[in-house]
Amino acid sequence: MQRGELIEGVRGILAKAGFYVSKPIAMRSISFDIVARRDETLLIIKVLSNVDAFSKENAEEMKVLAEALQASPLLIGEKSGSGDIEEGIVYSRFGVPIISIETLSDYLLEGVPPFIFAAPGGLYVRLDSELLRSIREERNISLGTLAEVAGVSRRTIKMYESGMGAMIDVALKLEEFLGEFLVLPLDPFKYTSETGGRLMDLSGMDDLSREVFMLLSKLGYSVVPTVRCPFEALTKDDRTLILTGVGKDETKLVEKACIVGDISKITEKKSVIFLRRAKSRQNIGGAAIIGKDELKKLNESEKLFELVIARCGINEKS
């Protein structure tokens, strides 16, 4: 399947499952292809035929976005250098979960979750560690007995009871011996942040971006620069987060502003694009347009947010 077809297939599954799905993103070198929301679940998705093309830099960018937006990063692919991305298995690369489009469909449309995850050494399942421990203690089964049944050490059994994953054959032996289902389903959308945040780095930015971000910082905002995104930064304080773009020419910003505006609607965040000189338009595609000179006149973060809200609500044709 061509990558474009794969992306449309994923978008179709998400829409059918009740997600609000972003429009196709035509910009090149973007770290993600789809943003989708259903209730409290927000997904940032990259789609690749071969997941080996997924770089560490791409993963880090998706994780930074996921942390800031309280979202889950997800990579959907068909194959890797080791073989196909198999149905019903959750893989990972640089800390980002990977599943096939079939697994996505099973999970969202059929209600069938994956049970197996790939990790160094093979394929594993997650055991109900509390159930395993309580059954063993209630039936007075020794660690040694379970270890012998499963073909592992006593220490390994203790680690299973503490939450460590088990090889599939070991899990089946334990279930057969105890007469209980121990294997738990996996949630491919579950993600624990591990980035620890990103400090503002103005090196490598053009003069306009550097000046805008410094002005935002003086207003009390924390500015998190983004790479390979339709927007240049995430601007946030204790209460708000704004998708922030910077541009020099209003006439060349229509496509970018429409993409940023669409993403802001899906993520339920406001969006703004700062221009060297704002002309007549105050809104493009749902993104507020603010001139650098206007930004300079503001002395409170609240004033900026009020201006963004007012202009995001203006209904102008793009």
C-alpha atoms as a PDB file:
ATOM      1  CA  MET A   1       0.000   0.000   0.000  1.00  0.00           C
ATOM      2  CA  GLN A   2       1.291   3.450  -0.913  1.00  0.00           C
ATOM      3  CA  ARG A   3       1.880   5.818   2.007  1.00  0.00           C
ATOM      4  CA  GLY A   4      -0.889   8.161   0.853  1.00  0.00           C
ATOM      5  CA  GLU A   5      -3.362   5.281   0.765  1.00  0.00           C
ATOM      6  CA  LEU A   6      -2.210   4.165   4.202  1.00  0.00           C
ATOM      7  CA  ILE A   7      -2.774   7.650   5.624  1.00  0.00           C
ATOM      8  CA  GLU A   8      -6.274   7.816   4.159  1.00  0.00           C
ATOM      9  CA  GLY A   9      -7.006   4.331   5.499  1.00  0.00           C
ATOM     10  CA  VAL A  10      -5.986   5.414   8.997  1.00  0.00           C
ATOM     11  CA  ARG A  11      -8.031   8.613   8.749  1.00  0.00           C
ATOM     12  CA  GLY A  12     -11.060   6.585   7.657  1.00  0.00           C
ATOM     13  CA  ILE A  13     -10.787   4.188  10.606  1.00  0.00           C
ATOM     14  CA  LEU A  14     -10.437   7.050  13.069  1.00  0.00           C
ATOM     15  CA  ALA A  15     -13.433   8.905  11.630  1.00  0.00           C
ATOM     16  CA  LYS A  16     -15.559   5.752  11.672  1.00  0.00           C
ATOM     17  CA  ALA A  17     -14.590   5.236  15.318  1.00  0.00           C
ATOM     18  CA  GLY A  18     -15.918   8.671  16.231  1.00  0.00           C
ATOM     19  CA  PHE A  19     -12.691  10.690  16.237  1.00  0.00           C
ATOM     20  CA  TYR A  20     -12.443  14.256  14.999  1.00  0.00           C
ATOM     21  CA  VAL A  21      -9.642  13.965  12.444  1.00  0.00           C
ATOM     22  CA  SER A  22      -7.368  16.663  11.047  1.00  0.00           C
ATOM     23  CA  LYS A  23      -7.379  17.363   7.349  1.00  0.00           C
ATOM     24  CA  PRO A  24      -4.568  15.862   5.238  1.00  0.00           C
ATOM     25  CA  ILE A  25      -1.313  17.755   5.851  1.00  0.00           C
ATOM     26  CA  ALA A  26       0.370  18.490   2.525  1.00  0.00           C
ATOM     27  CA  MET A  27       3.480  20.138   3.981  1.00  0.00           C
ATOM     28  CA  ARG A  28       6.732  18.192   3.624  1.00  0.00           C
ATOM     29  CA  SER A  29       9.064  17.094   6.397  1.00  0.00           C
ATOM     30  CA  ILE A  30       6.388  17.228   9.104  1.00  0.00           C
ATOM     31  CA  SER A  31       6.912  15.031  12.166  1.00  0.00           C
ATOM     32  CA  PHE A  32       3.290  13.816  12.160  1.00  0.00           C
ATOM     33  CA  ASP A  33       0.566  13.154   9.597  1.00  0.00           C
ATOM     34  CA  ILE A  34      -2.661  13.070  11.588  1.00  0.00           C
ATOM     35  CA  VAL A  35      -4.048  14.633  14.745  1.00  0.00           C
ATOM     36  CA  ALA A  36      -7.249  13.056  16.067  1.00  0.00           C
ATOM     37  CA  ARG A  37      -9.415  13.477  19.148  1.00  0.00           C
ATOM     38  CA  ARG A  38     -12.244  11.506  20.724  1.00  0.00           C
ATOM     39  CA  ASP A  39     -13.361  12.785  24.120  1.00  0.00           C
ATOM     40  CA  GLU A  40     -10.223  12.889  26.279  1.00  0.00           C
ATOM     41  CA  THR A  41      -8.113  10.812  23.879  1.00  0.00           C
ATOM     42  CA  LEU A  42      -5.833  12.939  21.689  1.00  0.00           C
ATOM     43  CA  LEU A  43      -3.550  11.168  19.215  1.00  0.00           C
ATOM     44  CA  ILE A  44      -0.542  12.472  17.285  1.00  0.00           C
ATOM     45  CA  ILE A  45       0.036   9.952  14.513  1.00  0.00           C
ATOM     46  CA  LYS A  46       2.839   9.320  12.040  1.00  0.00           C
ATOM     47  CA  VAL A  47       2.186   6.909   9.178  1.00  0.00           C
ATOM     48  CA  LEU A  48       5.023   5.130   7.351  1.00  0.00           C
ATOM     49  CA  SER A  49       5.130   2.089   5.105  1.00  0.00           C
ATOM     50  CA  ASN A  50       8.532   1.130   6.530  1.00  0.00           C
ATOM     51  CA  VAL A  51       8.939   2.158  10.171  1.00  0.00           C
ATOM     52  CA  ASP A  52      12.737   2.013   9.866  1.00  0.00           C
ATOM     53  CA  ALA A  53      12.427   5.485   8.320  1.00  0.00           C
ATOM     54  CA  PHE A  54      11.186   6.806  11.677  1.00  0.00           C
ATOM     55  CA  SER A  55      14.125   8.750  13.106  1.00  0.00           C
ATOM     56  CA  LYS A  56      15.033   9.492  16.702  1.00  0.00           C
ATOM     57  CA  GLU A  57      14.581  13.202  15.989  1.00  0.00           C
ATOM     58  CA  ASN A  58      11.077  12.550  14.674  1.00  0.00           C
ATOM     59  CA  ALA A  59      10.266  10.522  17.780  1.00  0.00           C
ATOM     60  CA  GLU A  60      11.566  13.222  20.121  1.00  0.00           C
ATOM     61  CA  GLU A  61       9.510  15.884  18.365  1.00  0.00           C
ATOM     62  CA  MET A  62       6.335  13.814  18.628  1.00  0.00           C
ATOM     63  CA  LYS A  63       7.011  13.173  22.311  1.00  0.00           C
ATOM     64  CA  VAL A  64       7.531  16.880  23.014  1.00  0.00           C
ATOM     65  CA  LEU A  65       4.205  17.646  21.322  1.00  0.00           C
ATOM     66  CA  ALA A  66       2.482  14.793  23.146  1.00  0.00           C
ATOM     67  CA  GLU A  67       3.705  16.012  26.513  1.00  0.00           C
ATOM     68  CA  ALA A  68       2.648  19.611  25.899  1.00  0.00           C
ATOM     69  CA  LEU A  69      -0.752  18.686  24.470  1.00  0.00           C
ATOM     70  CA  GLN A  70      -1.401  15.778  26.867  1.00  0.00           C
ATOM     71  CA  ALA A  71      -1.635  13.505  23.850  1.00  0.00           C
ATOM     72  CA  SER A  72      -0.378  10.070  22.841  1.00  0.00           C
ATOM     73  CA  PRO A  73       2.159   9.627  20.020  1.00  0.00           C
ATOM     74  CA  LEU A  74       1.544   6.673  17.722  1.00  0.00           C
ATOM     75  CA  LEU A  75       3.361   5.276  14.686  1.00  0.00           C
ATOM     76  CA  ILE A  76       1.380   3.176  12.221  1.00  0.00           C
ATOM     77  CA  GLY A  77       3.290   1.131   9.663  1.00  0.00           C
ATOM     78  CA  GLU A  78       3.333  -1.967   7.499  1.00  0.00           C
ATOM     79  CA  LYS A  79       6.837  -3.348   7.834  1.00  0.00           C
ATOM     80  CA  SER A  80      10.362  -2.944   9.132  1.00  0.00           C
ATOM     81  CA  GLY A  81      13.687  -4.407   8.129  1.00  0.00           C
ATOM     82  CA  SER A  82      12.873  -7.385  10.357  1.00  0.00           C
ATOM     83  CA  GLY A  83       9.557  -8.199   8.671  1.00  0.00           C
ATOM     84  CA  ASP A  84       5.917  -7.182   8.681  1.00  0.00           C
ATOM     85  CA  ILE A  85       4.264  -5.233  11.489  1.00  0.00           C
ATOM     86  CA  GLU A  86       1.993  -8.055  12.591  1.00  0.00           C
ATOM     87  CA  GLU A  87      -1.626  -7.742  13.586  1.00  0.00           C
ATOM     88  CA  GLY A  88      -2.326  -7.809  17.313  1.00  0.00           C
ATOM     89  CA  ILE A  89       1.216  -6.867  18.347  1.00  0.00           C
ATOM     90  CA  VAL A  90       2.428  -3.541  19.766  1.00  0.00           C
ATOM     91  CA  TYR A  91       5.991  -2.630  18.794  1.00  0.00           C
ATOM     92  CA  SER A  92       7.970   0.480  19.690  1.00  0.00           C
ATOM     93  CA  ARG A  93      10.758   2.620  18.260  1.00  0.00           C
ATOM     94  CA  PHE A  94      12.517   5.310  20.275  1.00  0.00           C
ATOM     95  CA  GLY A  95       9.769   5.064  22.885  1.00  0.00           C
ATOM     96  CA  VAL A  96       6.847   5.571  20.480  1.00  0.00           C
ATOM     97  CA  PRO A  97       4.298   2.712  20.167  1.00  0.00           C
ATOM     98  CA  ILE A  98       3.943   1.105  16.726  1.00  0.00           C
ATOM     99  CA  ILE A  99       0.945  -0.851  15.434  1.00  0.00           C
ATOM    100  CA  SER A 100      -0.374  -1.951  12.043  1.00  0.00           C
ATOM    101  CA  ILE A 101      -3.465  -0.454  10.440  1.00  0.00           C
ATOM    102  CA  GLU A 102      -5.178  -3.811  11.021  1.00  0.00           C
ATOM    103  CA  THR A 103      -4.460  -3.596  14.748  1.00  0.00           C
ATOM    104  CA  LEU A 104      -5.859  -0.056  14.792  1.00  0.00           C
ATOM    105  CA  SER A 105      -9.039  -1.254  13.077  1.00  0.00           C
ATOM    106  CA  ASP A 106      -9.426  -4.232  15.410  1.00  0.00           C
ATOM    107  CA  TYR A 107      -8.989  -2.023  18.458  1.00  0.00           C
ATOM    108  CA  LEU A 108     -11.214   0.888  17.452  1.00  0.00           C
ATOM    109  CA  LEU A 109     -13.889  -0.752  15.299  1.00  0.00           C
ATOM    110  CA  GLU A 110     -14.107  -4.295  16.656  1.00  0.00           C
ATOM    111  CA  GLY A 111     -13.213  -3.630  20.280  1.00  0.00           C
ATOM    112  CA  VAL A 112     -10.424  -6.217  20.118  1.00  0.00           C
ATOM    113  CA  PRO A 113      -7.277  -4.944  21.865  1.00  0.00           C
ATOM    114  CA  PRO A 114      -3.767  -6.240  21.206  1.00  0.00           C
ATOM    115  CA  PHE A 115      -2.324  -8.574  23.837  1.00  0.00           C
ATOM    116  CA  ILE A 116       1.277  -8.994  22.679  1.00  0.00           C
ATOM    117  CA  PHE A 117       4.156  -6.524  22.700  1.00  0.00           C
ATOM    118  CA  ALA A 118       7.566  -6.815  21.082  1.00  0.00           C
ATOM    119  CA  ALA A 119      10.669  -6.106  23.140  1.00  0.00           C
ATOM    120  CA  PRO A 120      14.332  -7.129  23.039  1.00  0.00           C
ATOM    121  CA  GLY A 121      14.407 -10.910  23.175  1.00  0.00           C
ATOM    122  CA  GLY A 122      11.065 -11.628  21.549  1.00  0.00           C
ATOM    123  CA  LEU A 123       7.337 -11.297  22.085  1.00  0.00           C
ATOM    124  CA  TYR A 124       5.805 -10.755  25.510  1.00  0.00           C
ATOM    125  CA  VAL A 125       2.470 -10.335  27.274  1.00  0.00           C
ATOM    126  CA  ARG A 126       1.493  -8.346  30.335  1.00  0.00           C
ATOM    127  CA  LEU A 127       0.302 -10.415  33.290  1.00  0.00           C
ATOM    128  CA  ASP A 128      -2.221  -9.447  35.957  1.00  0.00           C
ATOM    129  CA  SER A 129       0.466  -9.363  38.628  1.00  0.00           C
ATOM    130  CA  GLU A 130      -1.918  -8.833  41.546  1.00  0.00           C
ATOM    131  CA  LEU A 131      -4.120 -11.751  40.480  1.00  0.00           C
ATOM    132  CA  LEU A 132      -1.083 -13.991  40.026  1.00  0.00           C
ATOM    133  CA  ARG A 133       0.219 -13.173  43.491  1.00  0.00           C
ATOM    134  CA  SER A 134      -3.170 -13.498  45.214  1.00  0.00           C
ATOM    135  CA  ILE A 135      -3.899 -16.885  43.596  1.00  0.00           C
ATOM    136  CA  ARG A 136      -0.486 -18.216  44.550  1.00  0.00           C
ATOM    137  CA  GLU A 137      -0.876 -17.062  48.152  1.00  0.00           C
ATOM    138  CA  GLU A 138      -4.504 -18.215  48.525  1.00  0.00           C
ATOM    139  CA  ARG A 139      -3.668 -21.690  47.220  1.00  0.00           C
ATOM    140  CA  ASN A 140      -0.397 -21.863  49.145  1.00  0.00           C
ATOM    141  CA  ILE A 141       1.567 -22.462  45.959  1.00  0.00           C
ATOM    142  CA  SER A 142       5.270 -21.884  46.425  1.00  0.00           C
ATOM    143  CA  LEU A 143       7.415 -19.736  44.176  1.00  0.00           C
ATOM    144  CA  GLY A 144       9.437 -22.837  43.409  1.00  0.00           C
ATOM    145  CA  THR A 145       6.387 -24.749  42.174  1.00  0.00           C
ATOM    146  CA  LEU A 146       5.318 -21.972  39.816  1.00  0.00           C
ATOM    147  CA  ALA A 147       8.897 -21.540  38.656  1.00  0.00           C
ATOM    148  CA  GLU A 148       9.108 -25.234  37.802  1.00  0.00           C
ATOM    149  CA  VAL A 149       5.775 -25.163  35.967  1.00  0.00           C
ATOM    150  CA  ALA A 150       6.773 -22.114  33.919  1.00  0.00           C
ATOM    151  CA  GLY A 151      10.366 -23.174  33.364  1.00  0.00           C
ATOM    152  CA  VAL A 152      11.805 -20.024  34.908  1.00  0.00           C
ATOM    153  CA  SER A 153      13.545 -19.053  38.139  1.00  0.00           C
ATOM    154  CA  ARG A 154      11.830 -18.186  41.429  1.00  0.00           C
ATOM    155  CA  ARG A 155      13.182 -14.659  41.070  1.00  0.00           C
ATOM    156  CA  THR A 156      11.472 -14.356  37.689  1.00  0.00           C
ATOM    157  CA  ILE A 157       8.127 -15.370  39.207  1.00  0.00           C
ATOM    158  CA  LYS A 158       8.577 -12.620  41.800  1.00  0.00           C
ATOM    159  CA  MET A 159       9.278 -10.175  38.973  1.00  0.00           C
ATOM    160  CA  TYR A 160       6.072 -11.269  37.212  1.00  0.00           C
ATOM    161  CA  GLU A 161       4.242 -10.493  40.462  1.00  0.00           C
ATOM    162  CA  SER A 162       5.858  -7.045  40.388  1.00  0.00           C
ATOM    163  CA  GLY A 163       4.649  -6.268  36.871  1.00  0.00           C
ATOM    164  CA  MET A 164       7.327  -7.593  34.514  1.00  0.00           C
ATOM    165  CA  GLY A 165       6.149  -8.901  31.145  1.00  0.00           C
ATOM    166  CA  ALA A 166       6.316 -12.618  30.392  1.00  0.00           C
ATOM    167  CA  MET A 167       7.139 -14.619  27.296  1.00  0.00           C
ATOM    168  CA  ILE A 168       3.993 -15.974  25.632  1.00  0.00           C
ATOM    169  CA  ASP A 169       4.764 -19.649  26.287  1.00  0.00           C
ATOM    170  CA  VAL A 170       5.443 -18.941  29.961  1.00  0.00           C
ATOM    171  CA  ALA A 171       2.137 -17.092  30.328  1.00  0.00           C
ATOM    172  CA  LEU A 172       0.238 -19.973  28.728  1.00  0.00           C
ATOM    173  CA  LYS A 173       1.846 -22.488  31.093  1.00  0.00           C
ATOM    174  CA  LEU A 174       0.902 -20.399  34.116  1.00  0.00           C
ATOM    175  CA  GLU A 175      -2.681 -19.943  32.911  1.00  0.00           C
ATOM    176  CA  GLU A 176      -3.076 -23.659  32.239  1.00  0.00           C
ATOM    177  CA  PHE A 177      -1.659 -24.650  35.630  1.00  0.00           C
ATOM    178  CA  LEU A 178      -3.717 -22.114  37.613  1.00  0.00           C
ATOM    179  CA  GLY A 179      -6.867 -22.362  35.503  1.00  0.00           C
ATOM    180  CA  GLU A 180      -7.145 -18.572  35.322  1.00  0.00           C
ATOM    181  CA  PHE A 181      -6.781 -15.934  32.621  1.00  0.00           C
ATOM    182  CA  LEU A 182      -3.725 -13.880  33.552  1.00  0.00           C
ATOM    183  CA  VAL A 183      -2.889 -12.041  30.327  1.00  0.00           C
ATOM    184  CA  LEU A 184      -4.057  -8.428  30.221  1.00  0.00           C
ATOM    185  CA  PRO A 185      -5.016  -6.450  27.103  1.00  0.00           C
ATOM    186  CA  LEU A 186      -2.751  -3.615  25.969  1.00  0.00           C
ATOM    187  CA  ASP A 187      -3.741  -0.034  25.273  1.00  0.00           C
ATOM    188  CA  PRO A 188      -1.637   1.178  22.320  1.00  0.00           C
ATOM    189  CA  PHE A 189      -2.714   4.740  23.126  1.00  0.00           C
ATOM    190  CA  LYS A 190      -1.290   4.639  26.634  1.00  0.00           C
ATOM    191  CA  TYR A 191       1.860   6.710  26.828  1.00  0.00           C
ATOM    192  CA  THR A 192       4.024   7.898  29.700  1.00  0.00           C
ATOM    193  CA  SER A 193       5.965  11.084  29.076  1.00  0.00           C
ATOM    194  CA  GLU A 194       9.716  10.728  29.287  1.00  0.00           C
ATOM    195  CA  THR A 195      11.008  13.912  27.677  1.00  0.00           C
ATOM    196  CA  GLY A 196      11.311  16.071  30.784  1.00  0.00           C
ATOM    197  CA  GLY A 197      10.441  19.167  28.765  1.00  0.00           C
ATOM    198  CA  ARG A 198      12.503  21.240  26.345  1.00  0.00           C
ATOM    199  CA  LEU A 199      14.262  24.505  27.023  1.00  0.00           C
ATOM    200  CA  MET A 200      13.928  27.400  24.608  1.00  0.00           C
ATOM    201  CA  ASP A 201      16.866  27.437  22.209  1.00  0.00           C
ATOM    202  CA  LEU A 202      16.968  30.470  19.934  1.00  0.00           C
ATOM    203  CA  SER A 203      20.044  29.379  18.015  1.00  0.00           C
ATOM    204  CA  GLY A 204      19.385  28.652  14.383  1.00  0.00           C
ATOM    205  CA  MET A 205      16.199  30.741  14.315  1.00  0.00           C
ATOM    206  CA  ASP A 206      15.657  33.685  12.021  1.00  0.00           C
ATOM    207  CA  ASP A 207      15.594  37.206  13.463  1.00  0.00           C
ATOM    208  CA  LEU A 208      11.799  37.495  13.422  1.00  0.00           C
ATOM    209  CA  SER A 209      11.235  34.219  15.282  1.00  0.00           C
ATOM    210  CA  ARG A 210      13.911  35.100  17.819  1.00  0.00           C
ATOM    211  CA  GLU A 211      12.387  38.524  18.468  1.00  0.00           C
ATOM    212  CA  VAL A 212       8.822  37.178  18.741  1.00  0.00           C
ATOM    213  CA  PHE A 213       9.812  34.425  21.161  1.00  0.00           C
ATOM    214  CA  MET A 214      11.781  36.843  23.332  1.00  0.00           C
ATOM    215  CA  LEU A 215       8.744  39.142  23.506  1.00  0.00           C
ATOM    216  CA  LEU A 216       6.536  36.197  24.476  1.00  0.00           C
ATOM    217  CA  SER A 217       9.010  35.217  27.188  1.00  0.00           C
ATOM    218  CA  LYS A 218       8.927  38.758  28.602  1.00  0.00           C
ATOM    219  CA  LEU A 219       5.141  38.442  28.868  1.00  0.00           C
ATOM    220  CA  GLY A 220       5.640  35.425  31.104  1.00  0.00           C
ATOM    221  CA  TYR A 221       5.077  32.678  28.568  1.00  0.00           C
ATOM    222  CA  SER A 222       7.191  29.560  28.329  1.00  0.00           C
ATOM    223  CA  VAL A 223       8.146  29.021  24.695  1.00  0.00           C
ATOM    224  CA  VAL A 224       8.812  25.469  23.501  1.00  0.00           C
ATOM    225  CA  PRO A 225      10.282  25.575  19.972  1.00  0.00           C
ATOM    226  CA  THR A 226       9.124  22.835  17.610  1.00  0.00           C
ATOM    227  CA  VAL A 227      10.852  21.302  14.618  1.00  0.00           C
ATOM    228  CA  ARG A 228       9.238  19.648  11.594  1.00  0.00           C
ATOM    229  CA  CYS A 229       5.851  21.148  12.524  1.00  0.00           C
ATOM    230  CA  PRO A 230       3.406  23.476  10.758  1.00  0.00           C
ATOM    231  CA  PHE A 231       3.898  25.839  13.720  1.00  0.00           C
ATOM    232  CA  GLU A 232       7.182  27.108  15.177  1.00  0.00           C
ATOM    233  CA  ALA A 233       6.490  26.784  18.900  1.00  0.00           C
ATOM    234  CA  LEU A 234       4.146  25.901  21.721  1.00  0.00           C
ATOM    235  CA  THR A 235       3.589  28.966  23.879  1.00  0.00           C
ATOM    236  CA  LYS A 236       2.211  28.306  27.346  1.00  0.00           C
ATOM    237  CA  ASP A 237       1.742  29.625  30.841  1.00  0.00           C
ATOM    238  CA  ASP A 238       0.019  28.132  33.887  1.00  0.00           C
ATOM    239  CA  ARG A 239      -3.424  28.325  32.285  1.00  0.00           C
ATOM    240  CA  THR A 240      -3.122  28.321  28.523  1.00  0.00           C
ATOM    241  CA  LEU A 241      -1.264  26.747  25.621  1.00  0.00           C
ATOM    242  CA  ILE A 242      -1.161  28.342  22.184  1.00  0.00           C
ATOM    243  CA  LEU A 243       0.051  26.815  18.913  1.00  0.00           C
ATOM    244  CA  THR A 244       2.372  29.551  17.683  1.00  0.00           C
ATOM    245  CA  GLY A 245       3.574  30.226  14.163  1.00  0.00           C
ATOM    246  CA  VAL A 246       5.812  32.951  12.745  1.00  0.00           C
ATOM    247  CA  GLY A 247       5.766  34.261   9.191  1.00  0.00           C
ATOM    248  CA  LYS A 248       7.092  37.141   7.145  1.00  0.00           C
ATOM    249  CA  ASP A 249       4.518  37.450   4.393  1.00  0.00           C
ATOM    250  CA  GLU A 250       0.757  37.237   4.906  1.00  0.00           C
ATOM    251  CA  THR A 251       0.153  36.266   1.273  1.00  0.00           C
ATOM    252  CA  LYS A 252       2.257  33.099   1.632  1.00  0.00           C
ATOM    253  CA  LEU A 253       0.711  31.974   4.907  1.00  0.00           C
ATOM    254  CA  VAL A 254      -2.710  30.768   3.829  1.00  0.00           C
ATOM    255  CA  GLU A 255      -1.864  27.050   3.605  1.00  0.00           C
ATOM    256  CA  LYS A 256       0.182  27.101   6.803  1.00  0.00           C
ATOM    257  CA  ALA A 257      -2.441  29.065   8.742  1.00  0.00           C
ATOM    258  CA  CYS A 258      -5.234  26.759   7.620  1.00  0.00           C
ATOM    259  CA  ILE A 259      -3.262  23.712   8.758  1.00  0.00           C
ATOM    260  CA  VAL A 260      -2.426  25.287  12.113  1.00  0.00           C
ATOM    261  CA  GLY A 261      -6.029  26.421  12.546  1.00  0.00           C
ATOM    262  CA  ASP A 262      -7.335  22.938  11.771  1.00  0.00           C
ATOM    263  CA  ILE A 263      -4.940  21.309  14.237  1.00  0.00           C
ATOM    264  CA  SER A 264      -5.903  23.832  16.910  1.00  0.00           C
ATOM    265  CA  LYS A 265      -9.564  22.859  16.521  1.00  0.00           C
ATOM    266  CA  ILE A 266      -8.775  19.157  16.914  1.00  0.00           C
ATOM    267  CA  THR A 267      -6.520  19.720  19.927  1.00  0.00           C
ATOM    268  CA  GLU A 268      -8.967  22.259  21.390  1.00  0.00           C
ATOM    269  CA  LYS A 269      -6.193  24.850  21.690  1.00  0.00           C
ATOM    270  CA  LYS A 270      -5.962  28.372  20.321  1.00  0.00           C
ATOM    271  CA  SER A 271      -3.540  29.183  17.519  1.00  0.00           C
ATOM    272  CA  VAL A 272      -1.756  32.342  16.435  1.00  0.00           C
ATOM    273  CA  ILE A 273       0.658  33.346  13.709  1.00  0.00           C
ATOM    274  CA  PHE A 274       2.861  36.386  14.266  1.00  0.00           C
ATOM    275  CA  LEU A 275       3.825  38.428  11.218  1.00  0.00           C
ATOM    276  CA  ARG A 276       6.470  41.056  10.715  1.00  0.00           C
ATOM    277  CA  ARG A 277       3.632  43.308   9.588  1.00  0.00           C
ATOM    278  CA  ALA A 278      -0.005  42.286   9.817  1.00  0.00           C
ATOM    279  CA  LYS A 279      -2.024  43.849   7.018  1.00  0.00           C
ATOM    280  CA  SER A 280      -5.781  43.611   6.687  1.00  0.00           C
ATOM    281  CA  ARG A 281      -6.556  40.096   7.864  1.00  0.00           C
ATOM    282  CA  GLN A 282      -6.886  39.189  11.520  1.00  0.00           C
ATOM    283  CA  ASN A 283      -7.679  35.504  11.040  1.00  0.00           C
ATOM    284  CA  ILE A 284      -6.761  32.879   8.472  1.00  0.00           C
ATOM    285  CA  GLY A 285      -8.310  29.429   8.651  1.00  0.00           C
ATOM    286  CA  GLY A 286      -9.073  29.761  12.352  1.00  0.00           C
ATOM    287  CA  ALA A 287      -5.597  30.985  13.332  1.00  0.00           C
ATOM    288  CA  ALA A 288      -5.307  34.484  14.794  1.00  0.00           C
ATOM    289  CA  ILE A 289      -2.984  36.854  12.921  1.00  0.00           C
ATOM    290  CA  ILE A 290      -1.015  39.358  15.033  1.00  0.00           C
ATOM    291  CA  GLY A 291       1.679  41.778  13.924  1.00  0.00           C
ATOM    292  CA  LYS A 292       5.008  42.064  15.707  1.00  0.00           C
ATOM    293  CA  ASP A 293       4.321  45.719  16.509  1.00  0.00           C
ATOM    294  CA  GLU A 294       1.027  44.755  18.155  1.00  0.00           C
ATOM    295  CA  LEU A 295       2.842  42.185  20.272  1.00  0.00           C
ATOM    296  CA  LYS A 296       5.387  44.794  21.379  1.00  0.00           C
ATOM    297  CA  LYS A 297       2.607  46.997  22.772  1.00  0.00           C
ATOM    298  CA  LEU A 298       1.248  44.286  25.068  1.00  0.00           C
ATOM    299  CA  ASN A 299       2.477  44.153  28.653  1.00  0.00           C
ATOM    300  CA  GLU A 300       0.471  41.237  30.080  1.00  0.00           C
ATOM    301  CA  SER A 301       0.046  37.635  28.956  1.00  0.00           C
ATOM    302  CA  GLU A 302      -3.684  37.948  29.630  1.00  0.00           C
ATOM    303  CA  LYS A 303      -3.946  40.766  27.077  1.00  0.00           C
ATOM    304  CA  LEU A 304      -2.302  38.603  24.429  1.00  0.00           C
ATOM    305  CA  PHE A 305      -4.573  35.667  25.171  1.00  0.00           C
ATOM    306  CA  GLU A 306      -7.650  37.908  24.978  1.00  0.00           C
ATOM    307  CA  LEU A 307      -6.467  39.202  21.603  1.00  0.00           C
ATOM    308  CA  VAL A 308      -5.859  35.657  20.329  1.00  0.00           C
ATOM    309  CA  ILE A 309      -9.312  34.533  21.482  1.00  0.00           C
ATOM    310  CA  ALA A 310     -10.969  37.525  19.836  1.00  0.00           C
ATOM    311  CA  ARG A 311      -9.224  36.973  16.508  1.00  0.00           C
ATOM    312  CA  CYS A 312      -9.612  33.192  16.506  1.00  0.00           C
ATOM    313  CA  GLY A 313     -13.344  33.819  16.703  1.00  0.00           C
ATOM    314  CA  ILE A 314     -13.431  36.109  13.669  1.00  0.00           C
ATOM    315  CA  ASN A 315     -15.033  34.388  10.706  1.00  0.00           C
ATOM    316  CA  GLU A 316     -12.906  35.308   7.699  1.00  0.00           C
ATOM    317  CA  LYS A 317     -12.580  33.380   4.480  1.00  0.00           C
ATOM    318  CA  SER A 318      -9.158  31.991   3.766  1.00  0.00           C
END
